[in-house]
Amino acid sequence: MGSIIQYIALENVRFFAPIGFYEEEQVLGNEFFVDLKVGVPFQNPNSEDLKNTINYEELYQVLVEVMSPKRRLLESAAEEILNAVLKKYPYVREVNVQIRKMNPPFGGDLATSVVSLEYRK
């Protein structure tokens, strides 16, 4: 017999953060968009009870905490988001994190660069 997975997601969460490989990026900051999708087993006796799902406001707080400090690489932010979700919600079956950096500063005609991580149990 199959199982039902419920997905809770935040899409296009915009941050202006001091993240970047170059020192001036950590001073001036960059614009980022983060997508976070979390899958949990759906065994829901009451679909109107917040205890039977994941509160996406709590997921947003994870994103704020991770995207705020200075760091060099998006990979470290994606990993920290993934690990924080898994620690806070150990029953999670799937997590997908994607971070898009707008207008990366390397001289190409490029709108975004993307880093993503996916976890499946």
PDB file of N, CA and C in Angstrom:
ATOM      1  N   MET A   1       0.836  -1.181   0.000  1.00  0.00           N
ATOM      2  CA  MET A   1       0.000   0.000   0.000  1.00  0.00           C
ATOM      3  C   MET A   1       0.878   1.241   0.000  1.00  0.00           C
ATOM      4  N   GLY A   2       0.489   2.238  -0.753  1.00  0.00           N
ATOM      5  CA  GLY A   2       1.250   3.474  -0.853  1.00  0.00           C
ATOM      6  C   GLY A   2       1.033   4.376   0.340  1.00  0.00           C
ATOM      7  N   SER A   3       1.781   5.441   0.374  1.00  0.00           N
ATOM      8  CA  SER A   3       1.625   6.420   1.439  1.00  0.00           C
ATOM      9  C   SER A   3       1.376   7.792   0.817  1.00  0.00           C
ATOM     10  N   ILE A   4       0.736   8.649   1.569  1.00  0.00           N
ATOM     11  CA  ILE A   4       0.472  10.012   1.120  1.00  0.00           C
ATOM     12  C   ILE A   4       1.511  10.929   1.753  1.00  0.00           C
ATOM     13  N   ILE A   5       2.109  11.768   0.931  1.00  0.00           N
ATOM     14  CA  ILE A   5       3.063  12.763   1.412  1.00  0.00           C
ATOM     15  C   ILE A   5       2.417  14.134   1.267  1.00  0.00           C
ATOM     16  N   GLN A   6       2.449  14.890   2.332  1.00  0.00           N
ATOM     17  CA  GLN A   6       1.953  16.270   2.313  1.00  0.00           C
ATOM     18  C   GLN A   6       3.146  17.197   2.131  1.00  0.00           C
ATOM     19  N   TYR A   7       3.018  18.174   1.247  1.00  0.00           N
ATOM     20  CA  TYR A   7       4.097  19.133   1.011  1.00  0.00           C
ATOM     21  C   TYR A   7       3.704  20.500   1.547  1.00  0.00           C
ATOM     22  N   ILE A   8       4.652  21.105   2.231  1.00  0.00           N
ATOM     23  CA  ILE A   8       4.520  22.466   2.724  1.00  0.00           C
ATOM     24  C   ILE A   8       5.669  23.229   2.087  1.00  0.00           C
ATOM     25  N   ALA A   9       5.380  24.353   1.454  1.00  0.00           N
ATOM     26  CA  ALA A   9       6.425  25.039   0.702  1.00  0.00           C
ATOM     27  C   ALA A   9       6.357  26.547   0.874  1.00  0.00           C
ATOM     28  N   LEU A  10       7.517  27.150   0.796  1.00  0.00           N
ATOM     29  CA  LEU A  10       7.659  28.593   0.675  1.00  0.00           C
ATOM     30  C   LEU A  10       8.391  28.831  -0.640  1.00  0.00           C
ATOM     31  N   GLU A  11       7.862  29.707  -1.470  1.00  0.00           N
ATOM     32  CA  GLU A  11       8.466  29.944  -2.779  1.00  0.00           C
ATOM     33  C   GLU A  11       8.787  31.423  -2.959  1.00  0.00           C
ATOM     34  N   ASN A  12       9.914  31.668  -3.593  1.00  0.00           N
ATOM     35  CA  ASN A  12      10.335  33.033  -3.929  1.00  0.00           C
ATOM     36  C   ASN A  12      10.411  33.951  -2.716  1.00  0.00           C
ATOM     37  N   VAL A  13      10.974  33.432  -1.620  1.00  0.00           N
ATOM     38  CA  VAL A  13      11.171  34.255  -0.426  1.00  0.00           C
ATOM     39  C   VAL A  13      12.400  35.130  -0.696  1.00  0.00           C
ATOM     40  N   ARG A  14      12.192  36.421  -0.685  1.00  0.00           N
ATOM     41  CA  ARG A  14      13.238  37.367  -1.092  1.00  0.00           C
ATOM     42  C   ARG A  14      14.053  37.820   0.110  1.00  0.00           C
ATOM     43  N   PHE A  15      15.381  37.808  -0.085  1.00  0.00           N
ATOM     44  CA  PHE A  15      16.310  38.292   0.935  1.00  0.00           C
ATOM     45  C   PHE A  15      17.328  39.207   0.282  1.00  0.00           C
ATOM     46  N   PHE A  16      17.744  40.208   0.989  1.00  0.00           N
ATOM     47  CA  PHE A  16      18.922  40.986   0.638  1.00  0.00           C
ATOM     48  C   PHE A  16      19.921  40.661   1.725  1.00  0.00           C
ATOM     49  N   ALA A  17      20.985  39.931   1.364  1.00  0.00           N
ATOM     50  CA  ALA A  17      21.857  39.352   2.387  1.00  0.00           C
ATOM     51  C   ALA A  17      23.332  39.546   2.045  1.00  0.00           C
ATOM     52  N   PRO A  18      24.177  39.539   3.094  1.00  0.00           N
ATOM     53  CA  PRO A  18      25.626  39.705   2.905  1.00  0.00           C
ATOM     54  C   PRO A  18      26.308  38.379   2.562  1.00  0.00           C
ATOM     55  N   ILE A  19      25.876  37.772   1.482  1.00  0.00           N
ATOM     56  CA  ILE A  19      26.419  36.473   1.089  1.00  0.00           C
ATOM     57  C   ILE A  19      27.093  36.620  -0.258  1.00  0.00           C
ATOM     58  N   GLY A  20      28.338  36.163  -0.332  1.00  0.00           N
ATOM     59  CA  GLY A  20      29.058  36.203  -1.596  1.00  0.00           C
ATOM     60  C   GLY A  20      30.515  35.842  -1.402  1.00  0.00           C
ATOM     61  N   PHE A  21      31.103  35.310  -2.435  1.00  0.00           N
ATOM     62  CA  PHE A  21      32.497  34.889  -2.390  1.00  0.00           C
ATOM     63  C   PHE A  21      33.432  36.084  -2.219  1.00  0.00           C
ATOM     64  N   TYR A  22      33.101  37.193  -2.865  1.00  0.00           N
ATOM     65  CA  TYR A  22      33.968  38.368  -2.823  1.00  0.00           C
ATOM     66  C   TYR A  22      33.617  39.246  -1.617  1.00  0.00           C
ATOM     67  N   GLU A  23      34.653  39.831  -1.030  1.00  0.00           N
ATOM     68  CA  GLU A  23      34.473  40.630   0.182  1.00  0.00           C
ATOM     69  C   GLU A  23      33.457  41.756  -0.016  1.00  0.00           C
ATOM     70  N   GLU A  24      33.506  42.401  -1.182  1.00  0.00           N
ATOM     71  CA  GLU A  24      32.568  43.503  -1.421  1.00  0.00           C
ATOM     72  C   GLU A  24      31.108  43.026  -1.442  1.00  0.00           C
ATOM     73  N   GLU A  25      30.877  41.766  -1.817  1.00  0.00           N
ATOM     74  CA  GLU A  25      29.516  41.218  -1.766  1.00  0.00           C
ATOM     75  C   GLU A  25      29.035  41.092  -0.326  1.00  0.00           C
ATOM     76  N   GLN A  26      29.953  40.774   0.567  1.00  0.00           N
ATOM     77  CA  GLN A  26      29.586  40.646   1.977  1.00  0.00           C
ATOM     78  C   GLN A  26      29.368  42.009   2.619  1.00  0.00           C
ATOM     79  N   VAL A  27      29.919  43.057   2.007  1.00  0.00           N
ATOM     80  CA  VAL A  27      29.712  44.420   2.507  1.00  0.00           C
ATOM     81  C   VAL A  27      28.449  45.017   1.876  1.00  0.00           C
ATOM     82  N   LEU A  28      28.331  44.917   0.556  1.00  0.00           N
ATOM     83  CA  LEU A  28      27.211  45.533  -0.160  1.00  0.00           C
ATOM     84  C   LEU A  28      25.945  44.674  -0.150  1.00  0.00           C
ATOM     85  N   GLY A  29      26.106  43.357  -0.086  1.00  0.00           N
ATOM     86  CA  GLY A  29      24.978  42.436  -0.101  1.00  0.00           C
ATOM     87  C   GLY A  29      24.521  42.106  -1.509  1.00  0.00           C
ATOM     88  N   ASN A  30      23.682  41.098  -1.606  1.00  0.00           N
ATOM     89  CA  ASN A  30      23.116  40.630  -2.867  1.00  0.00           C
ATOM     90  C   ASN A  30      21.648  40.296  -2.650  1.00  0.00           C
ATOM     91  N   GLU A  31      20.916  40.217  -3.751  1.00  0.00           N
ATOM     92  CA  GLU A  31      19.516  39.821  -3.699  1.00  0.00           C
ATOM     93  C   GLU A  31      19.410  38.320  -3.982  1.00  0.00           C
ATOM     94  N   PHE A  32      18.615  37.629  -3.156  1.00  0.00           N
ATOM     95  CA  PHE A  32      18.431  36.185  -3.273  1.00  0.00           C
ATOM     96  C   PHE A  32      16.946  35.844  -3.194  1.00  0.00           C
ATOM     97  N   PHE A  33      16.591  34.732  -3.832  1.00  0.00           N
ATOM     98  CA  PHE A  33      15.256  34.159  -3.686  1.00  0.00           C
ATOM     99  C   PHE A  33      15.436  32.710  -3.246  1.00  0.00           C
ATOM    100  N   VAL A  34      14.700  32.330  -2.204  1.00  0.00           N
ATOM    101  CA  VAL A  34      14.826  30.991  -1.640  1.00  0.00           C
ATOM    102  C   VAL A  34      13.496  30.261  -1.786  1.00  0.00           C
ATOM    103  N   ASP A  35      13.577  28.996  -2.216  1.00  0.00           N
ATOM    104  CA  ASP A  35      12.429  28.091  -2.239  1.00  0.00           C
ATOM    105  C   ASP A  35      12.727  26.958  -1.270  1.00  0.00           C
ATOM    106  N   LEU A  36      11.749  26.619  -0.446  1.00  0.00           N
ATOM    107  CA  LEU A  36      11.882  25.516   0.501  1.00  0.00           C
ATOM    108  C   LEU A  36      10.622  24.671   0.422  1.00  0.00           C
ATOM    109  N   LYS A  37      10.792  23.392   0.147  1.00  0.00           N
ATOM    110  CA  LYS A  37       9.665  22.461   0.058  1.00  0.00           C
ATOM    111  C   LYS A  37       9.942  21.291   0.990  1.00  0.00           C
ATOM    112  N   VAL A  38       8.991  21.007   1.883  1.00  0.00           N
ATOM    113  CA  VAL A  38       9.150  19.966   2.886  1.00  0.00           C
ATOM    114  C   VAL A  38       8.014  18.958   2.729  1.00  0.00           C
ATOM    115  N   GLY A  39       8.362  17.679   2.679  1.00  0.00           N
ATOM    116  CA  GLY A  39       7.361  16.621   2.583  1.00  0.00           C
ATOM    117  C   GLY A  39       7.298  15.813   3.862  1.00  0.00           C
ATOM    118  N   VAL A  40       6.075  15.622   4.367  1.00  0.00           N
ATOM    119  CA  VAL A  40       5.869  14.854   5.597  1.00  0.00           C
ATOM    120  C   VAL A  40       4.783  13.806   5.351  1.00  0.00           C
ATOM    121  N   PRO A  41       4.822  12.711   6.113  1.00  0.00           N
ATOM    122  CA  PRO A  41       3.754  11.721   5.979  1.00  0.00           C
ATOM    123  C   PRO A  41       2.403  12.354   6.332  1.00  0.00           C
ATOM    124  N   PHE A  42       1.413  12.071   5.526  1.00  0.00           N
ATOM    125  CA  PHE A  42       0.074  12.607   5.757  1.00  0.00           C
ATOM    126  C   PHE A  42      -0.746  11.568   6.505  1.00  0.00           C
ATOM    127  N   GLN A  43      -0.831  11.752   7.803  1.00  0.00           N
ATOM    128  CA  GLN A  43      -1.640  10.896   8.669  1.00  0.00           C
ATOM    129  C   GLN A  43      -2.446  11.856   9.530  1.00  0.00           C
ATOM    130  N   ASN A  44      -3.399  12.482   8.907  1.00  0.00           N
ATOM    131  CA  ASN A  44      -4.004  13.658   9.482  1.00  0.00           C
ATOM    132  C   ASN A  44      -5.417  13.400   9.994  1.00  0.00           C
ATOM    133  N   PRO A  45      -5.585  13.217  11.300  1.00  0.00           N
ATOM    134  CA  PRO A  45      -6.923  13.004  11.843  1.00  0.00           C
ATOM    135  C   PRO A  45      -7.775  14.275  11.832  1.00  0.00           C
ATOM    136  N   ASN A  46      -7.138  15.447  11.738  1.00  0.00           N
ATOM    137  CA  ASN A  46      -7.879  16.703  11.727  1.00  0.00           C
ATOM    138  C   ASN A  46      -7.102  17.716  10.899  1.00  0.00           C
ATOM    139  N   SER A  47      -7.540  17.932   9.679  1.00  0.00           N
ATOM    140  CA  SER A  47      -6.804  18.819   8.784  1.00  0.00           C
ATOM    141  C   SER A  47      -6.958  20.299   9.132  1.00  0.00           C
ATOM    142  N   GLU A  48      -7.692  20.610  10.175  1.00  0.00           N
ATOM    143  CA  GLU A  48      -7.801  21.992  10.645  1.00  0.00           C
ATOM    144  C   GLU A  48      -6.913  22.254  11.859  1.00  0.00           C
ATOM    145  N   ASP A  49      -6.153  21.260  12.287  1.00  0.00           N
ATOM    146  CA  ASP A  49      -5.298  21.394  13.464  1.00  0.00           C
ATOM    147  C   ASP A  49      -3.858  21.614  13.006  1.00  0.00           C
ATOM    148  N   LEU A  50      -3.286  22.745  13.377  1.00  0.00           N
ATOM    149  CA  LEU A  50      -1.926  23.092  12.966  1.00  0.00           C
ATOM    150  C   LEU A  50      -0.891  22.088  13.474  1.00  0.00           C
ATOM    151  N   LYS A  51      -1.207  21.359  14.543  1.00  0.00           N
ATOM    152  CA  LYS A  51      -0.278  20.355  15.065  1.00  0.00           C
ATOM    153  C   LYS A  51      -0.100  19.183  14.101  1.00  0.00           C
ATOM    154  N   ASN A  52      -0.976  19.049  13.118  1.00  0.00           N
ATOM    155  CA  ASN A  52      -0.917  17.934  12.172  1.00  0.00           C
ATOM    156  C   ASN A  52      -0.234  18.310  10.858  1.00  0.00           C
ATOM    157  N   THR A  53       0.509  19.380  10.884  1.00  0.00           N
ATOM    158  CA  THR A  53       1.248  19.812   9.699  1.00  0.00           C
ATOM    159  C   THR A  53       2.497  20.544  10.166  1.00  0.00           C
ATOM    160  N   ILE A  54       3.182  21.215   9.261  1.00  0.00           N
ATOM    161  CA  ILE A  54       4.318  22.065   9.627  1.00  0.00           C
ATOM    162  C   ILE A  54       3.896  23.506   9.397  1.00  0.00           C
ATOM    163  N   ASN A  55       4.112  24.329  10.391  1.00  0.00           N
ATOM    164  CA  ASN A  55       3.772  25.736  10.309  1.00  0.00           C
ATOM    165  C   ASN A  55       4.783  26.439   9.402  1.00  0.00           C
ATOM    166  N   TYR A  56       4.312  26.970   8.279  1.00  0.00           N
ATOM    167  CA  TYR A  56       5.265  27.590   7.350  1.00  0.00           C
ATOM    168  C   TYR A  56       5.858  28.877   7.892  1.00  0.00           C
ATOM    169  N   GLU A  57       5.268  29.458   8.935  1.00  0.00           N
ATOM    170  CA  GLU A  57       5.883  30.603   9.602  1.00  0.00           C
ATOM    171  C   GLU A  57       7.184  30.175  10.296  1.00  0.00           C
ATOM    172  N   GLU A  58       7.193  28.968  10.861  1.00  0.00           N
ATOM    173  CA  GLU A  58       8.413  28.434  11.475  1.00  0.00           C
ATOM    174  C   GLU A  58       9.470  28.161  10.408  1.00  0.00           C
ATOM    175  N   LEU A  59       9.048  27.677   9.256  1.00  0.00           N
ATOM    176  CA  LEU A  59      10.001  27.465   8.157  1.00  0.00           C
ATOM    177  C   LEU A  59      10.604  28.794   7.714  1.00  0.00           C
ATOM    178  N   TYR A  60       9.793  29.821   7.651  1.00  0.00           N
ATOM    179  CA  TYR A  60      10.284  31.146   7.282  1.00  0.00           C
ATOM    180  C   TYR A  60      11.344  31.627   8.268  1.00  0.00           C
ATOM    181  N   GLN A  61      11.128  31.388   9.556  1.00  0.00           N
ATOM    182  CA  GLN A  61      12.102  31.806  10.566  1.00  0.00           C
ATOM    183  C   GLN A  61      13.449  31.102  10.376  1.00  0.00           C
ATOM    184  N   VAL A  62      13.414  29.832   9.966  1.00  0.00           N
ATOM    185  CA  VAL A  62      14.657  29.117   9.658  1.00  0.00           C
ATOM    186  C   VAL A  62      15.392  29.845   8.533  1.00  0.00           C
ATOM    187  N   LEU A  63      14.667  30.228   7.494  1.00  0.00           N
ATOM    188  CA  LEU A  63      15.292  30.932   6.364  1.00  0.00           C
ATOM    189  C   LEU A  63      15.902  32.254   6.807  1.00  0.00           C
ATOM    190  N   VAL A  64      15.194  33.005   7.630  1.00  0.00           N
ATOM    191  CA  VAL A  64      15.692  34.299   8.106  1.00  0.00           C
ATOM    192  C   VAL A  64      16.987  34.109   8.894  1.00  0.00           C
ATOM    193  N   GLU A  65      17.012  33.129   9.780  1.00  0.00           N
ATOM    194  CA  GLU A  65      18.202  32.894  10.608  1.00  0.00           C
ATOM    195  C   GLU A  65      19.407  32.497   9.764  1.00  0.00           C
ATOM    196  N   VAL A  66      19.184  31.712   8.732  1.00  0.00           N
ATOM    197  CA  VAL A  66      20.304  31.237   7.915  1.00  0.00           C
ATOM    198  C   VAL A  66      20.766  32.289   6.913  1.00  0.00           C
ATOM    199  N   MET A  67      19.849  33.039   6.350  1.00  0.00           N
ATOM    200  CA  MET A  67      20.213  33.983   5.286  1.00  0.00           C
ATOM    201  C   MET A  67      20.735  35.317   5.819  1.00  0.00           C
ATOM    202  N   SER A  68      20.667  35.559   7.110  1.00  0.00           N
ATOM    203  CA  SER A  68      21.072  36.856   7.668  1.00  0.00           C
ATOM    204  C   SER A  68      22.574  37.053   7.845  1.00  0.00           C
ATOM    205  N   PRO A  69      23.327  36.071   8.354  1.00  0.00           N
ATOM    206  CA  PRO A  69      24.749  36.339   8.606  1.00  0.00           C
ATOM    207  C   PRO A  69      25.598  36.328   7.331  1.00  0.00           C
ATOM    208  N   LYS A  70      26.769  36.951   7.458  1.00  0.00           N
ATOM    209  CA  LYS A  70      27.737  36.928   6.357  1.00  0.00           C
ATOM    210  C   LYS A  70      28.203  35.503   6.120  1.00  0.00           C
ATOM    211  N   ARG A  71      28.373  35.180   4.848  1.00  0.00           N
ATOM    212  CA  ARG A  71      28.955  33.892   4.476  1.00  0.00           C
ATOM    213  C   ARG A  71      29.457  34.007   3.044  1.00  0.00           C
ATOM    214  N   ARG A  72      30.312  33.083   2.665  1.00  0.00           N
ATOM    215  CA  ARG A  72      30.925  33.139   1.335  1.00  0.00           C
ATOM    216  C   ARG A  72      30.130  32.372   0.279  1.00  0.00           C
ATOM    217  N   LEU A  73      29.573  31.231   0.637  1.00  0.00           N
ATOM    218  CA  LEU A  73      28.979  30.367  -0.384  1.00  0.00           C
ATOM    219  C   LEU A  73      27.513  30.048  -0.101  1.00  0.00           C
ATOM    220  N   LEU A  74      26.725  30.031  -1.154  1.00  0.00           N
ATOM    221  CA  LEU A  74      25.320  29.626  -1.049  1.00  0.00           C
ATOM    222  C   LEU A  74      25.195  28.169  -0.627  1.00  0.00           C
ATOM    223  N   GLU A  75      26.165  27.364  -0.998  1.00  0.00           N
ATOM    224  CA  GLU A  75      26.134  25.955  -0.628  1.00  0.00           C
ATOM    225  C   GLU A  75      26.038  25.784   0.890  1.00  0.00           C
ATOM    226  N   SER A  76      26.759  26.622   1.635  1.00  0.00           N
ATOM    227  CA  SER A  76      26.707  26.498   3.092  1.00  0.00           C
ATOM    228  C   SER A  76      25.345  26.929   3.627  1.00  0.00           C
ATOM    229  N   ALA A  77      24.729  27.922   3.010  1.00  0.00           N
ATOM    230  CA  ALA A  77      23.390  28.340   3.433  1.00  0.00           C
ATOM    231  C   ALA A  77      22.368  27.247   3.140  1.00  0.00           C
ATOM    232  N   ALA A  78      22.434  26.651   1.950  1.00  0.00           N
ATOM    233  CA  ALA A  78      21.499  25.574   1.598  1.00  0.00           C
ATOM    234  C   ALA A  78      21.641  24.395   2.553  1.00  0.00           C
ATOM    235  N   GLU A  79      22.865  24.037   2.866  1.00  0.00           N
ATOM    236  CA  GLU A  79      23.096  22.911   3.787  1.00  0.00           C
ATOM    237  C   GLU A  79      22.577  23.237   5.184  1.00  0.00           C
ATOM    238  N   GLU A  80      22.795  24.457   5.637  1.00  0.00           N
ATOM    239  CA  GLU A  80      22.331  24.834   6.972  1.00  0.00           C
ATOM    240  C   GLU A  80      20.797  24.837   7.050  1.00  0.00           C
ATOM    241  N   ILE A  81      20.137  25.301   6.005  1.00  0.00           N
ATOM    242  CA  ILE A  81      18.676  25.269   5.965  1.00  0.00           C
ATOM    243  C   ILE A  81      18.186  23.830   6.020  1.00  0.00           C
ATOM    244  N   LEU A  82      18.757  22.977   5.182  1.00  0.00           N
ATOM    245  CA  LEU A  82      18.362  21.568   5.142  1.00  0.00           C
ATOM    246  C   LEU A  82      18.540  20.909   6.505  1.00  0.00           C
ATOM    247  N   ASN A  83      19.699  21.097   7.116  1.00  0.00           N
ATOM    248  CA  ASN A  83      19.977  20.488   8.420  1.00  0.00           C
ATOM    249  C   ASN A  83      19.065  21.033   9.520  1.00  0.00           C
ATOM    250  N   ALA A  84      18.754  22.321   9.471  1.00  0.00           N
ATOM    251  CA  ALA A  84      17.873  22.909  10.485  1.00  0.00           C
ATOM    252  C   ALA A  84      16.464  22.327  10.391  1.00  0.00           C
ATOM    253  N   VAL A  85      15.970  22.134   9.164  1.00  0.00           N
ATOM    254  CA  VAL A  85      14.636  21.547   8.987  1.00  0.00           C
ATOM    255  C   VAL A  85      14.627  20.104   9.484  1.00  0.00           C
ATOM    256  N   LEU A  86      15.653  19.337   9.147  1.00  0.00           N
ATOM    257  CA  LEU A  86      15.710  17.943   9.580  1.00  0.00           C
ATOM    258  C   LEU A  86      15.826  17.823  11.097  1.00  0.00           C
ATOM    259  N   LYS A  87      16.543  18.739  11.719  1.00  0.00           N
ATOM    260  CA  LYS A  87      16.684  18.708  13.179  1.00  0.00           C
ATOM    261  C   LYS A  87      15.365  19.086  13.863  1.00  0.00           C
ATOM    262  N   LYS A  88      14.697  20.102  13.343  1.00  0.00           N
ATOM    263  CA  LYS A  88      13.463  20.599  13.957  1.00  0.00           C
ATOM    264  C   LYS A  88      12.295  19.635  13.733  1.00  0.00           C
ATOM    265  N   TYR A  89      12.299  18.948  12.581  1.00  0.00           N
ATOM    266  CA  TYR A  89      11.204  18.044  12.217  1.00  0.00           C
ATOM    267  C   TYR A  89      11.783  16.689  11.798  1.00  0.00           C
ATOM    268  N   PRO A  90      12.142  15.832  12.740  1.00  0.00           N
ATOM    269  CA  PRO A  90      12.813  14.571  12.405  1.00  0.00           C
ATOM    270  C   PRO A  90      11.947  13.591  11.612  1.00  0.00           C
ATOM    271  N   TYR A  91      10.661  13.811  11.538  1.00  0.00           N
ATOM    272  CA  TYR A  91       9.755  12.926  10.800  1.00  0.00           C
ATOM    273  C   TYR A  91       9.637  13.304   9.318  1.00  0.00           C
ATOM    274  N   VAL A  92      10.349  14.327   8.896  1.00  0.00           N
ATOM    275  CA  VAL A  92      10.299  14.781   7.504  1.00  0.00           C
ATOM    276  C   VAL A  92      10.806  13.687   6.569  1.00  0.00           C
ATOM    277  N   ARG A  93      10.146  13.512   5.443  1.00  0.00           N
ATOM    278  CA  ARG A  93      10.554  12.526   4.434  1.00  0.00           C
ATOM    279  C   ARG A  93      11.348  13.150   3.297  1.00  0.00           C
ATOM    280  N   GLU A  94      11.044  14.405   2.975  1.00  0.00           N
ATOM    281  CA  GLU A  94      11.710  15.080   1.861  1.00  0.00           C
ATOM    282  C   GLU A  94      11.922  16.552   2.203  1.00  0.00           C
ATOM    283  N   VAL A  95      13.055  17.059   1.752  1.00  0.00           N
ATOM    284  CA  VAL A  95      13.332  18.493   1.857  1.00  0.00           C
ATOM    285  C   VAL A  95      14.035  18.904   0.576  1.00  0.00           C
ATOM    286  N   ASN A  96      13.574  19.995   0.005  1.00  0.00           N
ATOM    287  CA  ASN A  96      14.240  20.558  -1.166  1.00  0.00           C
ATOM    288  C   ASN A  96      14.465  22.038  -0.897  1.00  0.00           C
ATOM    289  N   VAL A  97      15.724  22.454  -1.013  1.00  0.00           N
ATOM    290  CA  VAL A  97      16.117  23.842  -0.805  1.00  0.00           C
ATOM    291  C   VAL A  97      16.744  24.345  -2.092  1.00  0.00           C
ATOM    292  N   GLN A  98      16.288  25.489  -2.544  1.00  0.00           N
ATOM    293  CA  GLN A  98      16.897  26.112  -3.728  1.00  0.00           C
ATOM    294  C   GLN A  98      17.106  27.587  -3.430  1.00  0.00           C
ATOM    295  N   ILE A  99      18.330  28.069  -3.690  1.00  0.00           N
ATOM    296  CA  ILE A  99      18.655  29.475  -3.484  1.00  0.00           C
ATOM    297  C   ILE A  99      19.133  30.043  -4.818  1.00  0.00           C
ATOM    298  N   ARG A 100      18.492  31.137  -5.230  1.00  0.00           N
ATOM    299  CA  ARG A 100      18.868  31.810  -6.469  1.00  0.00           C
ATOM    300  C   ARG A 100      19.495  33.165  -6.134  1.00  0.00           C
ATOM    301  N   LYS A 101      20.655  33.404  -6.684  1.00  0.00           N
ATOM    302  CA  LYS A 101      21.342  34.686  -6.509  1.00  0.00           C
ATOM    303  C   LYS A 101      21.086  35.521  -7.764  1.00  0.00           C
ATOM    304  N   MET A 102      20.535  36.701  -7.568  1.00  0.00           N
ATOM    305  CA  MET A 102      20.209  37.572  -8.685  1.00  0.00           C
ATOM    306  C   MET A 102      21.461  38.331  -9.132  1.00  0.00           C
ATOM    307  N   ASN A 103      21.662  38.390 -10.415  1.00  0.00           N
ATOM    308  CA  ASN A 103      22.760  39.159 -11.011  1.00  0.00           C
ATOM    309  C   ASN A 103      24.122  38.872 -10.378  1.00  0.00           C
ATOM    310  N   PRO A 104      24.598  37.629 -10.426  1.00  0.00           N
ATOM    311  CA  PRO A 104      25.912  37.331  -9.856  1.00  0.00           C
ATOM    312  C   PRO A 104      26.997  38.160 -10.545  1.00  0.00           C
ATOM    313  N   PRO A 105      27.975  38.653  -9.778  1.00  0.00           N
ATOM    314  CA  PRO A 105      28.937  39.637 -10.285  1.00  0.00           C
ATOM    315  C   PRO A 105      30.157  39.032 -10.983  1.00  0.00           C
ATOM    316  N   PHE A 106      29.946  38.300 -12.062  1.00  0.00           N
ATOM    317  CA  PHE A 106      31.132  37.808 -12.754  1.00  0.00           C
ATOM    318  C   PHE A 106      31.165  38.202 -14.223  1.00  0.00           C
ATOM    319  N   GLY A 107      30.442  39.250 -14.577  1.00  0.00           N
ATOM    320  CA  GLY A 107      30.599  39.861 -15.883  1.00  0.00           C
ATOM    321  C   GLY A 107      29.837  39.207 -17.022  1.00  0.00           C
ATOM    322  N   GLY A 108      29.138  38.130 -16.772  1.00  0.00           N
ATOM    323  CA  GLY A 108      28.380  37.491 -17.841  1.00  0.00           C
ATOM    324  C   GLY A 108      26.981  38.063 -17.945  1.00  0.00           C
ATOM    325  N   ASP A 109      26.327  37.763 -19.045  1.00  0.00           N
ATOM    326  CA  ASP A 109      24.944  38.173 -19.239  1.00  0.00           C
ATOM    327  C   ASP A 109      24.061  37.098 -18.629  1.00  0.00           C
ATOM    328  N   LEU A 110      23.926  37.147 -17.311  1.00  0.00           N
ATOM    329  CA  LEU A 110      23.275  36.085 -16.557  1.00  0.00           C
ATOM    330  C   LEU A 110      22.357  36.699 -15.519  1.00  0.00           C
ATOM    331  N   ALA A 111      21.139  36.211 -15.440  1.00  0.00           N
ATOM    332  CA  ALA A 111      20.178  36.756 -14.481  1.00  0.00           C
ATOM    333  C   ALA A 111      20.345  36.165 -13.092  1.00  0.00           C
ATOM    334  N   THR A 112      20.580  34.847 -13.008  1.00  0.00           N
ATOM    335  CA  THR A 112      20.675  34.198 -11.701  1.00  0.00           C
ATOM    336  C   THR A 112      21.682  33.061 -11.728  1.00  0.00           C
ATOM    337  N   SER A 113      22.171  32.747 -10.546  1.00  0.00           N
ATOM    338  CA  SER A 113      22.896  31.490 -10.338  1.00  0.00           C
ATOM    339  C   SER A 113      22.091  30.724  -9.288  1.00  0.00           C
ATOM    340  N   VAL A 114      22.161  29.400  -9.314  1.00  0.00           N
ATOM    341  CA  VAL A 114      21.298  28.588  -8.461  1.00  0.00           C
ATOM    342  C   VAL A 114      22.112  27.508  -7.765  1.00  0.00           C
ATOM    343  N   VAL A 115      21.805  27.294  -6.486  1.00  0.00           N
ATOM    344  CA  VAL A 115      22.336  26.183  -5.708  1.00  0.00           C
ATOM    345  C   VAL A 115      21.138  25.490  -5.081  1.00  0.00           C
ATOM    346  N   SER A 116      21.111  24.150  -5.146  1.00  0.00           N
ATOM    347  CA  SER A 116      19.998  23.439  -4.513  1.00  0.00           C
ATOM    348  C   SER A 116      20.486  22.147  -3.873  1.00  0.00           C
ATOM    349  N   LEU A 117      19.762  21.735  -2.856  1.00  0.00           N
ATOM    350  CA  LEU A 117      19.996  20.462  -2.183  1.00  0.00           C
ATOM    351  C   LEU A 117      18.658  19.759  -2.022  1.00  0.00           C
ATOM    352  N   GLU A 118      18.681  18.435  -2.118  1.00  0.00           N
ATOM    353  CA  GLU A 118      17.468  17.655  -1.930  1.00  0.00           C
ATOM    354  C   GLU A 118      17.763  16.469  -1.031  1.00  0.00           C
ATOM    355  N   TYR A 119      16.875  16.257  -0.066  1.00  0.00           N
ATOM    356  CA  TYR A 119      16.977  15.139   0.866  1.00  0.00           C
ATOM    357  C   TYR A 119      15.748  14.278   0.699  1.00  0.00           C
ATOM    358  N   ARG A 120      15.955  12.966   0.676  1.00  0.00           N
ATOM    359  CA  ARG A 120      14.836  12.003   0.657  1.00  0.00           C
ATOM    360  C   ARG A 120      15.144  10.865   1.599  1.00  0.00           C
ATOM    361  N   LYS A 121      14.179  10.548   2.431  1.00  0.00           N
ATOM    362  CA  LYS A 121      14.323   9.431   3.362  1.00  0.00           C
ATOM    363  C   LYS A 121      13.767   8.176   2.735  1.00  0.00           C
TER     364      LYS A 121
END
